[in-house]
Amino acid sequence: MTPRFDVISLAVSDMAAALAFYRRLGLVFPDGAESEPHVEAGLPGGLRLALDTEATIRSFHPAWQPPAAGGRLSLAFRCDGPAEVDTVYGDLVGAGYHGELKPWDAVWGMRYAVVHDPDGNGVDLFANLPAQ
């Protein structure tokens, strides 16, 4: 038997804030999930993104504390084109989310940008640049 990668799980300090952010990126969570301690959204390819409140994590790991410094995890969302990277970045920053890196044309051939979710996790936005 071989284990299969199945779930990406994030501990969130504010479920409603996390849901609002990830819904802006097109993920679908159940209605009313803002008051739930654990929620999931299906991802392409059958994976799931799970969000758990800090209280949920502490219910089975009482000594757990959120990391003191972030930057070790990022999620990446593919956009349909370079213009969509700019649009989605602008939408998120305009809604008050922290823009870590404004959209730029990366040397590896992609339009790229980075925003932070409400808990400081990096969320990359990217799209292939047209062939030159």
Protein backbone atom coordinates (compact mmCIF):
# COMPACT_ATOMS: atom_id res chain seq x y z
CA MET A 1 0.00 0.00 0.00
CA THR A 2 1.29 3.48 -0.88
CA PRO A 3 0.03 6.65 0.83
CA ARG A 4 -1.62 9.14 -1.54
CA PHE A 5 -1.43 12.92 -1.27
CA ASP A 6 -5.00 14.02 -0.55
CA VAL A 7 -5.38 17.19 1.54
CA ILE A 8 -3.71 20.55 2.02
CA SER A 9 -4.70 21.85 5.45
CA LEU A 10 -4.36 25.37 6.81
CA ALA A 11 -4.86 26.50 10.40
CA VAL A 12 -6.80 29.77 10.33
CA SER A 13 -7.28 32.38 13.02
CA ASP A 14 -10.56 33.68 11.56
CA MET A 15 -12.63 31.23 9.52
CA ALA A 16 -14.87 33.90 7.98
CA ALA A 17 -11.88 35.97 6.84
CA ALA A 18 -10.13 32.92 5.37
CA LEU A 19 -13.28 31.84 3.53
CA ALA A 20 -13.81 35.32 2.09
CA PHE A 21 -10.24 35.32 0.74
CA TYR A 22 -10.30 31.85 -0.82
CA ARG A 23 -13.79 32.34 -2.24
CA ARG A 24 -12.43 35.40 -4.09
CA LEU A 25 -10.02 32.98 -5.73
CA GLY A 26 -12.88 30.76 -6.90
CA LEU A 27 -12.84 28.00 -4.29
CA VAL A 28 -16.26 26.72 -3.29
CA PHE A 29 -17.04 26.12 0.37
CA PRO A 30 -20.45 25.22 1.81
CA ASP A 31 -22.84 28.05 2.65
CA GLY A 32 -22.72 28.88 6.35
CA ALA A 33 -19.19 27.52 6.73
CA GLU A 34 -18.10 30.71 8.49
CA SER A 35 -19.21 29.29 11.84
CA GLU A 36 -17.74 25.80 11.32
CA PRO A 37 -14.50 24.63 12.96
CA HIS A 38 -13.43 22.64 9.87
CA VAL A 39 -14.35 23.14 6.21
CA GLU A 40 -13.12 21.74 2.90
CA ALA A 41 -13.18 22.71 -0.75
CA GLY A 42 -12.56 20.33 -3.62
CA LEU A 43 -9.56 21.12 -5.81
CA PRO A 44 -8.76 20.05 -9.37
CA GLY A 45 -7.43 16.53 -9.55
CA GLY A 46 -9.35 15.38 -6.49
CA LEU A 47 -7.26 17.11 -3.82
CA ARG A 48 -8.95 19.08 -1.05
CA LEU A 49 -8.10 22.29 0.76
CA ALA A 50 -9.09 22.05 4.42
CA LEU A 51 -9.35 25.01 6.76
CA ASP A 52 -9.30 24.39 10.52
CA THR A 53 -9.68 27.01 13.21
CA GLU A 54 -6.88 27.36 15.74
CA ALA A 55 -9.32 26.08 18.38
CA THR A 56 -9.86 22.92 16.33
CA ILE A 57 -6.12 22.27 16.18
CA ARG A 58 -5.83 22.84 19.93
CA SER A 59 -8.70 20.39 20.57
CA PHE A 60 -6.36 17.50 19.68
CA HIS A 61 -2.99 19.23 20.21
CA PRO A 62 -3.42 21.50 23.26
CA ALA A 63 0.15 22.85 23.17
CA TRP A 64 -0.05 23.91 19.48
CA GLN A 65 0.82 27.54 18.75
CA PRO A 66 0.70 29.30 15.39
CA PRO A 67 4.15 29.77 13.86
CA ALA A 68 5.92 32.93 15.01
CA ALA A 69 7.14 33.64 11.48
CA GLY A 70 5.54 32.80 8.17
CA GLY A 71 6.91 32.22 4.72
CA ARG A 72 7.28 28.44 4.72
CA LEU A 73 4.08 27.66 2.86
CA SER A 74 2.52 29.08 -0.25
CA LEU A 75 -0.36 28.08 -2.46
CA ALA A 76 -0.30 28.89 -6.16
CA PHE A 77 -3.27 29.67 -8.40
CA ARG A 78 -2.89 29.47 -12.19
CA CYS A 79 -4.62 32.29 -14.06
CA ASP A 80 -5.82 32.10 -17.66
CA GLY A 81 -3.38 34.76 -18.84
CA PRO A 82 -1.02 37.52 -17.73
CA ALA A 83 -3.79 40.13 -17.62
CA GLU A 84 -5.77 37.96 -15.21
CA VAL A 85 -2.79 37.89 -12.81
CA ASP A 86 -2.93 41.70 -12.71
CA THR A 87 -6.72 41.75 -12.34
CA VAL A 88 -6.89 39.18 -9.54
CA TYR A 89 -3.98 40.81 -7.71
CA GLY A 90 -5.68 44.21 -7.99
CA ASP A 91 -8.98 42.77 -6.77
CA LEU A 92 -7.40 41.18 -3.70
CA VAL A 93 -5.24 44.19 -2.78
CA GLY A 94 -8.22 46.47 -3.40
CA ALA A 95 -10.24 44.34 -0.97
CA GLY A 96 -7.61 44.98 1.71
CA TYR A 97 -5.39 41.90 1.46
CA HIS A 98 -1.62 42.37 1.70
CA GLY A 99 0.15 42.47 -1.64
CA GLU A 100 3.60 40.99 -1.04
CA LEU A 101 4.93 41.26 -4.62
CA LYS A 102 3.23 43.24 -7.36
CA PRO A 103 2.77 41.47 -10.71
CA TRP A 104 5.99 41.10 -12.70
CA ASP A 105 7.26 39.18 -15.69
CA ALA A 106 9.48 36.50 -14.20
CA VAL A 107 12.61 35.27 -15.97
CA TRP A 108 11.12 31.75 -16.06
CA GLY A 109 8.45 32.89 -18.53
CA MET A 110 5.48 33.64 -16.29
CA ARG A 111 3.56 36.66 -15.08
CA TYR A 112 3.72 36.31 -11.30
CA ALA A 113 2.42 38.05 -8.18
CA VAL A 114 2.18 37.20 -4.49
CA VAL A 115 -0.52 38.16 -1.96
CA HIS A 116 -1.02 37.03 1.61
CA ASP A 117 -4.15 35.37 2.93
CA PRO A 118 -5.56 36.65 6.26
CA ASP A 119 -3.13 34.42 8.20
CA GLY A 120 -0.05 35.56 6.29
CA ASN A 121 0.30 32.51 4.02
CA GLY A 122 1.76 33.35 0.64
CA VAL A 123 -0.60 32.89 -2.30
CA ASP A 124 1.05 33.04 -5.72
CA LEU A 125 -0.85 34.08 -8.83
CA PHE A 126 0.72 33.09 -12.14
CA ALA A 127 0.19 32.64 -15.85
CA ASN A 128 2.43 31.73 -18.76
CA LEU A 129 3.71 34.68 -20.78
CA PRO A 130 3.12 34.57 -24.53
CA ALA A 131 5.94 32.90 -26.48
CA GLN A 132 8.26 35.49 -28.00
